Amino acid sequence: MTNTIALVLGVIITLLLIADQIWLGGATTLFLAREFTQLIEWVAFWR
């Protein structure tokens, strides 16, 4: 991954998080965080 691609991805993710906070009140971010913690717990179970 080049620096340009990493920078573009970082900007896109940041803009999506800001848009979620403005228009949806952070609901999508909270949902993804909860699902990610469940995924981590599930993966840790199989370790």
PDB file of N, CA and C in Angstrom:
ATOM      1  N   MET A   1       0.854  -1.168   0.000  1.00  0.00           N
ATOM      2  CA  MET A   1       0.000   0.000   0.000  1.00  0.00           C
ATOM      3  C   MET A   1       0.904   1.236   0.000  1.00  0.00           C
ATOM      4  N   THR A   2       0.655   2.096  -0.924  1.00  0.00           N
ATOM      5  CA  THR A   2       1.455   3.314  -1.002  1.00  0.00           C
ATOM      6  C   THR A   2       0.918   4.364  -0.035  1.00  0.00           C
ATOM      7  N   ASN A   3       1.719   5.380   0.192  1.00  0.00           N
ATOM      8  CA  ASN A   3       1.302   6.452   1.098  1.00  0.00           C
ATOM      9  C   ASN A   3       0.075   7.182   0.574  1.00  0.00           C
ATOM     10  N   THR A   4      -0.012   7.328  -0.729  1.00  0.00           N
ATOM     11  CA  THR A   4      -1.162   8.016  -1.320  1.00  0.00           C
ATOM     12  C   THR A   4      -2.450   7.250  -1.061  1.00  0.00           C
ATOM     13  N   ILE A   5      -2.409   5.952  -1.267  1.00  0.00           N
ATOM     14  CA  ILE A   5      -3.601   5.129  -1.032  1.00  0.00           C
ATOM     15  C   ILE A   5      -3.984   5.165   0.446  1.00  0.00           C
ATOM     16  N   ALA A   6      -3.005   5.061   1.325  1.00  0.00           N
ATOM     17  CA  ALA A   6      -3.282   5.099   2.761  1.00  0.00           C
ATOM     18  C   ALA A   6      -3.890   6.438   3.164  1.00  0.00           C
ATOM     19  N   LEU A   7      -3.387   7.518   2.610  1.00  0.00           N
ATOM     20  CA  LEU A   7      -3.915   8.841   2.924  1.00  0.00           C
ATOM     21  C   LEU A   7      -5.347   8.998   2.421  1.00  0.00           C
ATOM     22  N   VAL A   8      -5.613   8.546   1.213  1.00  0.00           N
ATOM     23  CA  VAL A   8      -6.965   8.634   0.650  1.00  0.00           C
ATOM     24  C   VAL A   8      -7.938   7.800   1.478  1.00  0.00           C
ATOM     25  N   LEU A   9      -7.555   6.588   1.846  1.00  0.00           N
ATOM     26  CA  LEU A   9      -8.424   5.751   2.675  1.00  0.00           C
ATOM     27  C   LEU A   9      -8.684   6.394   4.037  1.00  0.00           C
ATOM     28  N   GLY A  10      -7.650   6.971   4.625  1.00  0.00           N
ATOM     29  CA  GLY A  10      -7.814   7.654   5.905  1.00  0.00           C
ATOM     30  C   GLY A  10      -8.768   8.829   5.818  1.00  0.00           C
ATOM     31  N   VAL A  11      -8.661   9.607   4.740  1.00  0.00           N
ATOM     32  CA  VAL A  11      -9.553  10.752   4.550  1.00  0.00           C
ATOM     33  C   VAL A  11     -10.987  10.280   4.332  1.00  0.00           C
ATOM     34  N   ILE A  12     -11.171   9.241   3.533  1.00  0.00           N
ATOM     35  CA  ILE A  12     -12.519   8.720   3.276  1.00  0.00           C
ATOM     36  C   ILE A  12     -13.159   8.217   4.565  1.00  0.00           C
ATOM     37  N   ILE A  13     -12.414   7.456   5.350  1.00  0.00           N
ATOM     38  CA  ILE A  13     -12.950   6.931   6.609  1.00  0.00           C
ATOM     39  C   ILE A  13     -13.295   8.074   7.563  1.00  0.00           C
ATOM     40  N   THR A  14     -12.424   9.067   7.644  1.00  0.00           N
ATOM     41  CA  THR A  14     -12.686  10.214   8.510  1.00  0.00           C
ATOM     42  C   THR A  14     -13.937  10.965   8.078  1.00  0.00           C
ATOM     43  N   LEU A  15     -14.087  11.183   6.776  1.00  0.00           N
ATOM     44  CA  LEU A  15     -15.278  11.874   6.271  1.00  0.00           C
ATOM     45  C   LEU A  15     -16.550  11.072   6.538  1.00  0.00           C
ATOM     46  N   LEU A  16     -16.476   9.754   6.408  1.00  0.00           N
ATOM     47  CA  LEU A  16     -17.646   8.924   6.694  1.00  0.00           C
ATOM     48  C   LEU A  16     -18.024   8.978   8.172  1.00  0.00           C
ATOM     49  N   LEU A  17     -17.026   8.985   9.048  1.00  0.00           N
ATOM     50  CA  LEU A  17     -17.311   9.091  10.484  1.00  0.00           C
ATOM     51  C   LEU A  17     -17.927  10.445  10.828  1.00  0.00           C
ATOM     52  N   ILE A  18     -17.417  11.501  10.208  1.00  0.00           N
ATOM     53  CA  ILE A  18     -17.981  12.833  10.443  1.00  0.00           C
ATOM     54  C   ILE A  18     -19.414  12.902   9.923  1.00  0.00           C
ATOM     55  N   ALA A  19     -19.658  12.364   8.732  1.00  0.00           N
ATOM     56  CA  ALA A  19     -21.011  12.365   8.168  1.00  0.00           C
ATOM     57  C   ALA A  19     -21.966  11.574   9.050  1.00  0.00           C
ATOM     58  N   ASP A  20     -21.500  10.468   9.600  1.00  0.00           N
ATOM     59  CA  ASP A  20     -22.342   9.671  10.499  1.00  0.00           C
ATOM     60  C   ASP A  20     -22.704  10.475  11.742  1.00  0.00           C
ATOM     61  N   GLN A  21     -21.746  11.192  12.284  1.00  0.00           N
ATOM     62  CA  GLN A  21     -22.023  12.004  13.471  1.00  0.00           C
ATOM     63  C   GLN A  21     -23.010  13.121  13.168  1.00  0.00           C
ATOM     64  N   ILE A  22     -22.890  13.729  12.002  1.00  0.00           N
ATOM     65  CA  ILE A  22     -23.759  14.866  11.658  1.00  0.00           C
ATOM     66  C   ILE A  22     -25.181  14.406  11.359  1.00  0.00           C
ATOM     67  N   TRP A  23     -25.328  13.430  10.468  1.00  0.00           N
ATOM     68  CA  TRP A  23     -26.662  13.081   9.977  1.00  0.00           C
ATOM     69  C   TRP A  23     -27.346  11.965  10.754  1.00  0.00           C
ATOM     70  N   LEU A  24     -26.586  11.048  11.326  1.00  0.00           N
ATOM     71  CA  LEU A  24     -27.218   9.918  12.003  1.00  0.00           C
ATOM     72  C   LEU A  24     -26.963   9.901  13.508  1.00  0.00           C
ATOM     73  N   GLY A  25     -26.254  10.864  14.009  1.00  0.00           N
ATOM     74  CA  GLY A  25     -26.003  10.941  15.436  1.00  0.00           C
ATOM     75  C   GLY A  25     -25.054   9.876  15.948  1.00  0.00           C
ATOM     76  N   GLY A  26     -24.270   9.290  15.078  1.00  0.00           N
ATOM     77  CA  GLY A  26     -23.287   8.296  15.483  1.00  0.00           C
ATOM     78  C   GLY A  26     -23.840   6.895  15.627  1.00  0.00           C
ATOM     79  N   ALA A  27     -25.043   6.656  15.158  1.00  0.00           N
ATOM     80  CA  ALA A  27     -25.675   5.345  15.316  1.00  0.00           C
ATOM     81  C   ALA A  27     -24.910   4.255  14.568  1.00  0.00           C
ATOM     82  N   THR A  28     -24.457   4.558  13.376  1.00  0.00           N
ATOM     83  CA  THR A  28     -23.738   3.557  12.586  1.00  0.00           C
ATOM     84  C   THR A  28     -22.400   3.218  13.223  1.00  0.00           C
ATOM     85  N   THR A  29     -21.704   4.226  13.704  1.00  0.00           N
ATOM     86  CA  THR A  29     -20.417   3.993  14.354  1.00  0.00           C
ATOM     87  C   THR A  29     -20.593   3.136  15.600  1.00  0.00           C
ATOM     88  N   LEU A  30     -21.617   3.426  16.383  1.00  0.00           N
ATOM     89  CA  LEU A  30     -21.883   2.646  17.590  1.00  0.00           C
ATOM     90  C   LEU A  30     -22.234   1.207  17.242  1.00  0.00           C
ATOM     91  N   PHE A  31     -23.057   1.015  16.213  1.00  0.00           N
ATOM     92  CA  PHE A  31     -23.420  -0.327  15.777  1.00  0.00           C
ATOM     93  C   PHE A  31     -22.185  -1.111  15.344  1.00  0.00           C
ATOM     94  N   LEU A  32     -21.333  -0.494  14.535  1.00  0.00           N
ATOM     95  CA  LEU A  32     -20.130  -1.183  14.064  1.00  0.00           C
ATOM     96  C   LEU A  32     -19.176  -1.500  15.214  1.00  0.00           C
ATOM     97  N   ALA A  33     -19.079  -0.611  16.184  1.00  0.00           N
ATOM     98  CA  ALA A  33     -18.217  -0.862  17.339  1.00  0.00           C
ATOM     99  C   ALA A  33     -18.723  -2.054  18.148  1.00  0.00           C
ATOM    100  N   ARG A  34     -20.042  -2.121  18.344  1.00  0.00           N
ATOM    101  CA  ARG A  34     -20.612  -3.252  19.090  1.00  0.00           C
ATOM    102  C   ARG A  34     -20.409  -4.566  18.344  1.00  0.00           C
ATOM    103  N   GLU A  35     -20.640  -4.554  17.040  1.00  0.00           N
ATOM    104  CA  GLU A  35     -20.452  -5.770  16.248  1.00  0.00           C
ATOM    105  C   GLU A  35     -18.984  -6.194  16.234  1.00  0.00           C
ATOM    106  N   PHE A  36     -18.078  -5.227  16.196  1.00  0.00           N
ATOM    107  CA  PHE A  36     -16.654  -5.539  16.190  1.00  0.00           C
ATOM    108  C   PHE A  36     -16.236  -6.181  17.507  1.00  0.00           C
ATOM    109  N   THR A  37     -16.778  -5.702  18.630  1.00  0.00           N
ATOM    110  CA  THR A  37     -16.441  -6.320  19.912  1.00  0.00           C
ATOM    111  C   THR A  37     -16.975  -7.747  19.985  1.00  0.00           C
ATOM    112  N   GLN A  38     -18.155  -7.984  19.420  1.00  0.00           N
ATOM    113  CA  GLN A  38     -18.678  -9.348  19.381  1.00  0.00           C
ATOM    114  C   GLN A  38     -17.800 -10.243  18.507  1.00  0.00           C
ATOM    115  N   LEU A  39     -17.311  -9.709  17.405  1.00  0.00           N
ATOM    116  CA  LEU A  39     -16.419 -10.471  16.534  1.00  0.00           C
ATOM    117  C   LEU A  39     -15.125 -10.818  17.257  1.00  0.00           C
ATOM    118  N   ILE A  40     -14.564  -9.871  17.987  1.00  0.00           N
ATOM    119  CA  ILE A  40     -13.327 -10.111  18.731  1.00  0.00           C
ATOM    120  C   ILE A  40     -13.543 -11.197  19.780  1.00  0.00           C
ATOM    121  N   GLU A  41     -14.670 -11.151  20.483  1.00  0.00           N
ATOM    122  CA  GLU A  41     -14.964 -12.180  21.479  1.00  0.00           C
ATOM    123  C   GLU A  41     -15.123 -13.543  20.820  1.00  0.00           C
ATOM    124  N   TRP A  42     -15.765 -13.593  19.661  1.00  0.00           N
ATOM    125  CA  TRP A  42     -15.961 -14.856  18.950  1.00  0.00           C
ATOM    126  C   TRP A  42     -14.632 -15.416  18.464  1.00  0.00           C
ATOM    127  N   VAL A  43     -13.766 -14.561  17.947  1.00  0.00           N
ATOM    128  CA  VAL A  43     -12.454 -15.001  17.472  1.00  0.00           C
ATOM    129  C   VAL A  43     -11.600 -15.457  18.652  1.00  0.00           C
ATOM    130  N   ALA A  44     -11.686 -14.763  19.783  1.00  0.00           N
ATOM    131  CA  ALA A  44     -10.915 -15.146  20.964  1.00  0.00           C
ATOM    132  C   ALA A  44     -11.361 -16.510  21.481  1.00  0.00           C
ATOM    133  N   PHE A  45     -12.633 -16.843  21.295  1.00  0.00           N
ATOM    134  CA  PHE A  45     -13.130 -18.146  21.712  1.00  0.00           C
ATOM    135  C   PHE A  45     -12.433 -19.263  20.944  1.00  0.00           C
ATOM    136  N   TRP A  46     -12.169 -19.055  19.669  1.00  0.00           N
ATOM    137  CA  TRP A  46     -11.561 -20.078  18.828  1.00  0.00           C
ATOM    138  C   TRP A  46     -10.044 -20.123  18.948  1.00  0.00           C
ATOM    139  N   ARG A  47      -9.484 -19.249  19.719  1.00  0.00           N
ATOM    140  CA  ARG A  47      -8.033 -19.221  19.862  1.00  0.00           C
ATOM    141  C   ARG A  47      -7.544 -20.392  20.655  1.00  0.00           C
TER     142      ARG A  47
END
